[in-house]
Protein backbone atom coordinates (compact mmCIF):
# COMPACT_ATOMS: atom_id res chain seq x y z
CA UNK A 1 29.79 -13.37 19.42
CA UNK A 2 26.66 -14.07 18.47
CA UNK A 3 24.62 -14.14 15.54
CA UNK A 4 24.13 -10.85 14.08
CA UNK A 5 20.20 -10.55 13.86
CA UNK A 6 19.66 -7.57 12.52
CA UNK A 7 17.89 -6.71 9.22
CA UNK A 8 20.02 -5.33 6.77
CA UNK A 9 17.93 -3.25 3.99
CA UNK A 10 20.82 -2.86 1.71
CA UNK A 11 19.70 -2.90 -2.01
CA UNK A 12 15.98 -2.50 -1.42
CA UNK A 13 14.20 0.43 -2.47
CA UNK A 14 13.17 2.87 0.76
CA UNK A 15 9.32 2.47 -0.92
CA UNK A 16 9.36 -1.54 -0.63
CA UNK A 17 10.71 -0.94 3.41
CA UNK A 18 7.78 1.05 4.19
CA UNK A 19 5.11 -1.52 2.17
CA UNK A 20 6.38 -4.15 4.40
CA UNK A 21 5.86 -1.99 7.41
CA UNK A 22 2.20 -2.50 6.51
CA UNK A 23 0.52 -4.65 8.34
CA UNK A 24 -1.52 -6.83 5.23
CA UNK A 25 -3.31 -9.04 7.00
CA UNK A 26 -4.93 -6.37 9.05
CA UNK A 27 -5.71 -4.88 6.19
CA UNK A 28 -6.97 -7.75 4.21
CA UNK A 29 -9.32 -8.40 7.48
CA UNK A 30 -10.78 -4.76 6.93
CA UNK A 31 -11.42 -5.59 3.21
CA UNK A 32 -12.97 -8.45 4.08
CA UNK A 33 -15.43 -6.62 6.46
CA UNK A 34 -16.04 -3.89 3.97
CA UNK A 35 -16.44 -5.52 1.19
CA UNK A 36 -14.38 -3.33 -0.88
CA UNK A 37 -13.19 -5.92 -3.26
CA UNK A 38 -16.32 -6.81 -4.11
CA UNK A 39 -16.81 -4.97 -7.72
CA UNK A 40 -13.03 -4.22 -8.43
CA UNK A 41 -11.55 -7.50 -10.38
CA UNK A 42 -8.21 -5.61 -11.73
CA UNK A 43 -7.79 -2.81 -9.15
CA UNK A 44 -8.24 -4.38 -5.49
CA UNK A 45 -8.25 -2.08 -2.20
CA UNK A 46 -4.39 -3.25 -1.85
CA UNK A 47 -3.62 -2.03 -5.12
CA UNK A 48 -5.36 1.17 -4.42
CA UNK A 49 -3.49 2.03 -1.59
CA UNK A 50 -0.01 1.02 -3.00
CA UNK A 51 -0.95 3.58 -5.78
CA UNK A 52 -2.21 6.33 -3.34
CA UNK A 53 1.12 5.69 -1.51
CA UNK A 54 3.35 5.62 -4.82
CA UNK A 55 1.70 9.13 -5.45
CA UNK A 56 2.27 10.33 -2.06
CA UNK A 57 5.87 9.50 -2.28
CA UNK A 58 6.50 10.44 -5.61
CA UNK A 59 4.88 14.09 -5.28
CA UNK A 60 2.75 13.32 -8.38
CA UNK A 61 0.20 15.85 -8.99
CA UNK A 62 -2.20 13.93 -11.40
CA UNK A 63 -3.48 10.27 -11.47
CA UNK A 64 -1.68 9.77 -14.51
CA UNK A 65 1.51 10.94 -13.28
CA UNK A 66 1.09 8.11 -10.56
CA UNK A 67 0.23 6.04 -13.46
CA UNK A 68 2.95 6.84 -16.04
CA UNK A 69 5.39 6.78 -13.01
CA UNK A 70 4.59 2.93 -11.75
CA UNK A 71 4.42 2.10 -15.63
CA UNK A 72 8.05 2.78 -15.75
CA UNK A 73 8.60 0.68 -12.83
CA UNK A 74 6.66 -2.21 -14.13
CA UNK A 75 9.23 -5.33 -14.16
CA UNK A 76 9.57 -3.72 -9.86
CA UNK A 77 6.12 -3.64 -9.10
CA UNK A 78 6.39 -7.27 -7.74
CA UNK A 79 8.14 -6.42 -4.49
CA UNK A 80 4.63 -4.42 -3.66
CA UNK A 81 2.00 -6.82 -4.13
CA UNK A 82 1.20 -5.81 -7.52
CA UNK A 83 1.14 -7.82 -11.19
CA UNK A 84 1.37 -4.58 -13.39
CA UNK A 85 0.83 -1.24 -13.00
CA UNK A 86 -3.31 0.07 -13.35
CA UNK A 87 -4.43 1.36 -15.94
CA UNK A 88 -5.50 5.34 -15.42
CA UNK A 89 -8.90 4.79 -16.27
CA UNK A 90 -9.38 1.93 -13.99
CA UNK A 91 -7.64 3.90 -10.69
CA UNK A 92 -9.72 6.93 -11.71
CA UNK A 93 -12.76 4.51 -11.31
CA UNK A 94 -11.13 2.94 -8.36
CA UNK A 95 -10.37 6.28 -6.34
CA UNK A 96 -13.67 7.62 -7.19
CA UNK A 97 -16.11 4.65 -6.15
CA UNK A 98 -14.53 2.91 -3.89
CA UNK A 99 -15.52 4.46 -0.13
CA UNK A 100 -12.87 5.73 1.59
CA UNK A 101 -14.08 4.57 4.79
CA UNK A 102 -11.73 1.09 4.70
CA UNK A 103 -8.75 3.37 4.46
CA UNK A 104 -10.20 5.83 7.11
CA UNK A 105 -10.75 2.69 9.61
CA UNK A 106 -7.07 1.67 8.21
CA UNK A 107 -5.31 4.43 9.31
CA UNK A 108 -6.86 4.43 13.18
CA UNK A 109 -6.06 0.61 13.11
CA UNK A 110 -2.57 1.62 12.27
CA UNK A 111 -2.57 4.14 15.32
CA UNK A 112 -3.66 2.05 17.75
CA UNK A 113 -1.14 -0.58 16.42
CA UNK A 114 1.82 1.68 16.76
CA UNK A 115 0.44 3.06 19.73
CA UNK A 116 0.68 -0.64 21.47
CA UNK A 117 4.05 -1.21 19.79
CA UNK A 118 5.83 2.24 21.41
CA UNK A 119 4.39 1.61 24.62
CA UNK A 120 6.00 -1.87 24.71
CA UNK A 121 9.13 -0.69 23.18
CA UNK A 122 9.50 2.07 25.80
């Protein structure tokens, strides 16, 4: 018998597994192309994406709930690529002022990547 090459994800939170499936390199290329981190030092585009996904998967109704939930996981945010949970006002400003076209383009890029993967796997 050969070496077991399957990854066993026991002990890893599901949210971490989902975040790891996102091609961060492709995301960073779009961030540079769009210049979406130009005016944001404390709340990067990646932090915003993770925050939004956390809110969706946690079924939060407000940014306050999202930030409070992330603050409760403060010591475990490093596995998501974040240093600390965003302050409510910082997250609000980022969501209001950052151009949504970055996330729109990334969504369509993910659709293209996934369709290529499905064709090659099938």
